[in-house]
Amino acid sequence: MLIAKIRKTDTEGKEIKNTWEKKYTLELPDNVTDIQIITRVKKVLNWVGLSCRKVDNFTMIELKPYAMNEIAYIEFSTKEDNDVKK
């Protein structure tokens, strides 16, 4: 099981403002594709139908809608990683 930890915050222009922050967690199957991940994340963030810029940094995905002053960071771990940390 793959765990996606999502952090959404606000921006001002190209700068991250961080005046507020919301956090979400998604459980995903191990064989999920990038497109399925983005689709599920956009649904959780209420960004369905918005065009977004995606930057994949290998350890994290940045998702930024073109029409909003918000940005989301998606980090991944496995169910086993979370069980070991407890």
N, C-alpha and C. Protein backbone atom coordinates (compact mmCIF):
# COMPACT_ATOMS: atom_id res chain seq x y z
N MET A 1 0.85 -1.18 0.00
CA MET A 1 0.00 0.00 0.00
C MET A 1 0.89 1.24 0.00
N LEU A 2 0.59 2.17 -0.84
CA LEU A 2 1.32 3.42 -0.96
C LEU A 2 0.55 4.53 -0.25
N ILE A 3 1.24 5.34 0.52
CA ILE A 3 0.62 6.45 1.25
C ILE A 3 1.10 7.76 0.62
N ALA A 4 0.15 8.61 0.22
CA ALA A 4 0.48 9.93 -0.32
C ALA A 4 0.14 10.96 0.75
N LYS A 5 1.14 11.70 1.18
CA LYS A 5 0.93 12.78 2.15
C LYS A 5 0.93 14.09 1.37
N ILE A 6 -0.16 14.81 1.45
CA ILE A 6 -0.38 16.01 0.64
C ILE A 6 -0.41 17.23 1.55
N ARG A 7 0.33 18.25 1.15
CA ARG A 7 0.34 19.53 1.88
C ARG A 7 -0.01 20.62 0.89
N LYS A 8 -1.09 21.34 1.16
CA LYS A 8 -1.55 22.42 0.28
C LYS A 8 -1.39 23.76 1.00
N THR A 9 -0.85 24.75 0.29
CA THR A 9 -0.66 26.07 0.88
C THR A 9 -0.86 27.15 -0.20
N ASP A 10 -0.76 28.39 0.21
CA ASP A 10 -1.01 29.50 -0.73
C ASP A 10 0.31 30.06 -1.26
N THR A 11 0.19 30.76 -2.38
CA THR A 11 1.35 31.41 -2.99
C THR A 11 1.00 32.85 -3.33
N GLU A 12 2.02 33.63 -3.56
CA GLU A 12 1.84 35.01 -4.04
C GLU A 12 2.80 35.18 -5.21
N GLY A 13 2.26 35.17 -6.41
CA GLY A 13 3.12 35.16 -7.58
C GLY A 13 3.82 33.81 -7.65
N LYS A 14 5.14 33.83 -7.70
CA LYS A 14 5.90 32.58 -7.71
C LYS A 14 6.44 32.21 -6.34
N GLU A 15 6.19 33.06 -5.35
CA GLU A 15 6.69 32.83 -4.00
C GLU A 15 5.66 32.08 -3.15
N ILE A 16 6.14 31.16 -2.33
CA ILE A 16 5.27 30.46 -1.39
C ILE A 16 5.04 31.37 -0.20
N LYS A 17 3.77 31.58 0.12
CA LYS A 17 3.41 32.53 1.17
C LYS A 17 3.24 31.84 2.53
N ASN A 18 2.64 30.67 2.54
CA ASN A 18 2.45 29.87 3.77
C ASN A 18 1.64 30.57 4.85
N THR A 19 0.64 31.37 4.50
CA THR A 19 -0.20 31.96 5.53
C THR A 19 -1.19 30.94 6.08
N TRP A 20 -1.45 29.90 5.33
CA TRP A 20 -2.28 28.79 5.80
C TRP A 20 -1.77 27.51 5.15
N GLU A 21 -2.14 26.38 5.75
CA GLU A 21 -1.70 25.09 5.24
C GLU A 21 -2.74 24.03 5.60
N LYS A 22 -3.05 23.17 4.63
CA LYS A 22 -3.95 22.04 4.88
C LYS A 22 -3.22 20.76 4.52
N LYS A 23 -3.45 19.72 5.32
CA LYS A 23 -2.79 18.45 5.09
C LYS A 23 -3.82 17.35 4.87
N TYR A 24 -3.49 16.45 3.95
CA TYR A 24 -4.35 15.33 3.61
C TYR A 24 -3.49 14.08 3.48
N THR A 25 -4.10 12.91 3.63
CA THR A 25 -3.42 11.64 3.43
C THR A 25 -4.31 10.76 2.56
N LEU A 26 -3.69 10.15 1.56
CA LEU A 26 -4.39 9.23 0.66
C LEU A 26 -3.72 7.87 0.70
N GLU A 27 -4.51 6.81 0.74
CA GLU A 27 -3.97 5.46 0.59
C GLU A 27 -4.20 5.04 -0.85
N LEU A 28 -3.13 4.58 -1.49
CA LEU A 28 -3.18 4.21 -2.90
C LEU A 28 -2.66 2.79 -3.08
N PRO A 29 -3.16 2.07 -4.11
CA PRO A 29 -2.60 0.73 -4.37
C PRO A 29 -1.16 0.83 -4.87
N ASP A 30 -0.41 -0.24 -4.72
CA ASP A 30 1.00 -0.24 -5.12
C ASP A 30 1.21 -0.04 -6.61
N ASN A 31 0.27 -0.48 -7.44
CA ASN A 31 0.44 -0.42 -8.89
C ASN A 31 -0.19 0.83 -9.52
N VAL A 32 -0.36 1.88 -8.76
CA VAL A 32 -1.01 3.10 -9.25
C VAL A 32 -0.06 3.86 -10.19
N THR A 33 -0.64 4.48 -11.23
CA THR A 33 0.16 5.25 -12.19
C THR A 33 0.21 6.72 -11.77
N ASP A 34 1.13 7.48 -12.38
CA ASP A 34 1.23 8.92 -12.08
C ASP A 34 -0.08 9.65 -12.38
N ILE A 35 -0.71 9.32 -13.49
CA ILE A 35 -1.97 9.99 -13.86
C ILE A 35 -3.06 9.69 -12.85
N GLN A 36 -3.13 8.46 -12.36
CA GLN A 36 -4.12 8.10 -11.35
C GLN A 36 -3.85 8.84 -10.04
N ILE A 37 -2.58 8.98 -9.68
CA ILE A 37 -2.23 9.72 -8.45
C ILE A 37 -2.69 11.16 -8.57
N ILE A 38 -2.34 11.83 -9.67
CA ILE A 38 -2.70 13.24 -9.86
C ILE A 38 -4.21 13.40 -9.87
N THR A 39 -4.93 12.50 -10.53
CA THR A 39 -6.39 12.57 -10.57
C THR A 39 -6.99 12.47 -9.18
N ARG A 40 -6.50 11.54 -8.37
CA ARG A 40 -7.02 11.38 -7.00
C ARG A 40 -6.66 12.56 -6.11
N VAL A 41 -5.46 13.06 -6.25
CA VAL A 41 -5.03 14.21 -5.45
C VAL A 41 -5.87 15.44 -5.82
N LYS A 42 -6.08 15.68 -7.10
CA LYS A 42 -6.88 16.83 -7.53
C LYS A 42 -8.31 16.74 -7.01
N LYS A 43 -8.84 15.52 -6.91
CA LYS A 43 -10.19 15.33 -6.37
C LYS A 43 -10.23 15.69 -4.88
N VAL A 44 -9.23 15.25 -4.13
CA VAL A 44 -9.15 15.56 -2.69
C VAL A 44 -9.01 17.07 -2.46
N LEU A 45 -8.22 17.73 -3.32
CA LEU A 45 -7.96 19.16 -3.17
C LEU A 45 -9.06 20.04 -3.78
N ASN A 46 -10.05 19.42 -4.38
CA ASN A 46 -11.13 20.14 -5.06
C ASN A 46 -10.59 20.96 -6.24
N TRP A 47 -9.63 20.38 -6.96
CA TRP A 47 -9.04 21.01 -8.14
C TRP A 47 -9.45 20.31 -9.43
N VAL A 48 -10.50 19.51 -9.39
CA VAL A 48 -10.94 18.79 -10.59
C VAL A 48 -11.31 19.80 -11.67
N GLY A 49 -10.83 19.58 -12.88
CA GLY A 49 -11.11 20.47 -13.99
C GLY A 49 -10.11 21.60 -14.16
N LEU A 50 -9.18 21.76 -13.20
CA LEU A 50 -8.17 22.81 -13.30
C LEU A 50 -6.91 22.27 -13.97
N SER A 51 -6.34 23.03 -14.86
CA SER A 51 -5.05 22.67 -15.45
C SER A 51 -3.96 23.00 -14.45
N CYS A 52 -3.03 22.07 -14.30
CA CYS A 52 -1.96 22.24 -13.31
C CYS A 52 -0.59 21.99 -13.94
N ARG A 53 0.39 22.64 -13.36
CA ARG A 53 1.79 22.37 -13.70
C ARG A 53 2.29 21.35 -12.68
N LYS A 54 2.93 20.28 -13.19
CA LYS A 54 3.44 19.23 -12.31
C LYS A 54 4.97 19.20 -12.41
N VAL A 55 5.61 19.22 -11.26
CA VAL A 55 7.07 19.08 -11.20
C VAL A 55 7.37 17.86 -10.34
N ASP A 56 8.02 16.87 -10.95
CA ASP A 56 8.35 15.63 -10.24
C ASP A 56 9.82 15.70 -9.83
N ASN A 57 10.07 15.78 -8.52
CA ASN A 57 11.43 15.86 -7.98
C ASN A 57 11.93 14.51 -7.48
N PHE A 58 11.33 13.43 -7.91
CA PHE A 58 11.67 12.05 -7.54
C PHE A 58 11.28 11.70 -6.11
N THR A 59 11.43 12.59 -5.16
CA THR A 59 11.01 12.30 -3.79
C THR A 59 9.69 12.99 -3.46
N MET A 60 9.30 13.94 -4.31
CA MET A 60 8.10 14.73 -4.06
C MET A 60 7.57 15.24 -5.40
N ILE A 61 6.25 15.40 -5.47
CA ILE A 61 5.62 16.01 -6.64
C ILE A 61 5.03 17.35 -6.22
N GLU A 62 5.32 18.40 -6.98
CA GLU A 62 4.70 19.70 -6.78
C GLU A 62 3.59 19.84 -7.81
N LEU A 63 2.42 20.25 -7.37
CA LEU A 63 1.28 20.44 -8.24
C LEU A 63 0.76 21.85 -8.05
N LYS A 64 0.71 22.64 -9.14
CA LYS A 64 0.34 24.06 -9.05
C LYS A 64 -0.69 24.36 -10.13
N PRO A 65 -1.95 24.70 -9.72
CA PRO A 65 -2.94 25.11 -10.70
C PRO A 65 -2.56 26.44 -11.33
N TYR A 66 -2.78 26.57 -12.63
CA TYR A 66 -2.45 27.81 -13.32
C TYR A 66 -3.36 28.96 -12.89
N ALA A 67 -4.60 28.68 -12.51
CA ALA A 67 -5.59 29.72 -12.26
C ALA A 67 -5.75 30.07 -10.78
N MET A 68 -4.89 29.53 -9.90
CA MET A 68 -5.05 29.78 -8.47
C MET A 68 -3.72 30.10 -7.83
N ASN A 69 -3.76 30.78 -6.71
CA ASN A 69 -2.56 31.07 -5.92
C ASN A 69 -2.39 30.02 -4.83
N GLU A 70 -2.32 28.76 -5.24
CA GLU A 70 -2.13 27.65 -4.32
C GLU A 70 -1.12 26.69 -4.92
N ILE A 71 -0.52 25.88 -4.06
CA ILE A 71 0.41 24.84 -4.49
C ILE A 71 0.25 23.65 -3.56
N ALA A 72 0.47 22.45 -4.10
CA ALA A 72 0.40 21.24 -3.29
C ALA A 72 1.70 20.46 -3.45
N TYR A 73 2.15 19.88 -2.35
CA TYR A 73 3.33 19.02 -2.32
C TYR A 73 2.87 17.62 -1.96
N ILE A 74 3.27 16.65 -2.74
CA ILE A 74 2.86 15.27 -2.51
C ILE A 74 4.12 14.45 -2.23
N GLU A 75 4.17 13.84 -1.05
CA GLU A 75 5.28 12.97 -0.68
C GLU A 75 4.74 11.57 -0.47
N PHE A 76 5.58 10.58 -0.73
CA PHE A 76 5.12 9.19 -0.69
C PHE A 76 5.88 8.37 0.33
N SER A 77 5.16 7.42 0.90
CA SER A 77 5.77 6.41 1.76
C SER A 77 4.94 5.14 1.59
N THR A 78 5.42 4.06 2.16
CA THR A 78 4.67 2.82 2.09
C THR A 78 4.01 2.55 3.44
N LYS A 79 3.04 1.69 3.43
CA LYS A 79 2.35 1.32 4.66
C LYS A 79 3.36 0.76 5.66
N GLU A 80 4.33 -0.01 5.17
CA GLU A 80 5.34 -0.62 6.04
C GLU A 80 6.21 0.46 6.69
N ASP A 81 6.56 1.52 5.94
CA ASP A 81 7.35 2.62 6.50
C ASP A 81 6.62 3.26 7.66
N ASN A 82 5.32 3.49 7.51
CA ASN A 82 4.53 4.13 8.55
C ASN A 82 4.38 3.23 9.78
N ASP A 83 4.28 1.91 9.57
CA ASP A 83 4.17 0.99 10.69
C ASP A 83 5.46 0.93 11.51
N VAL A 84 6.60 1.03 10.84
CA VAL A 84 7.90 0.99 11.53
C VAL A 84 8.12 2.24 12.37
N LYS A 85 7.64 3.39 11.90
CA LYS A 85 7.86 4.68 12.60
C LYS A 85 7.04 4.80 13.88
N LYS A 86 5.98 4.01 14.03
CA LYS A 86 5.10 4.14 15.21
C LYS A 86 5.72 3.62 16.46
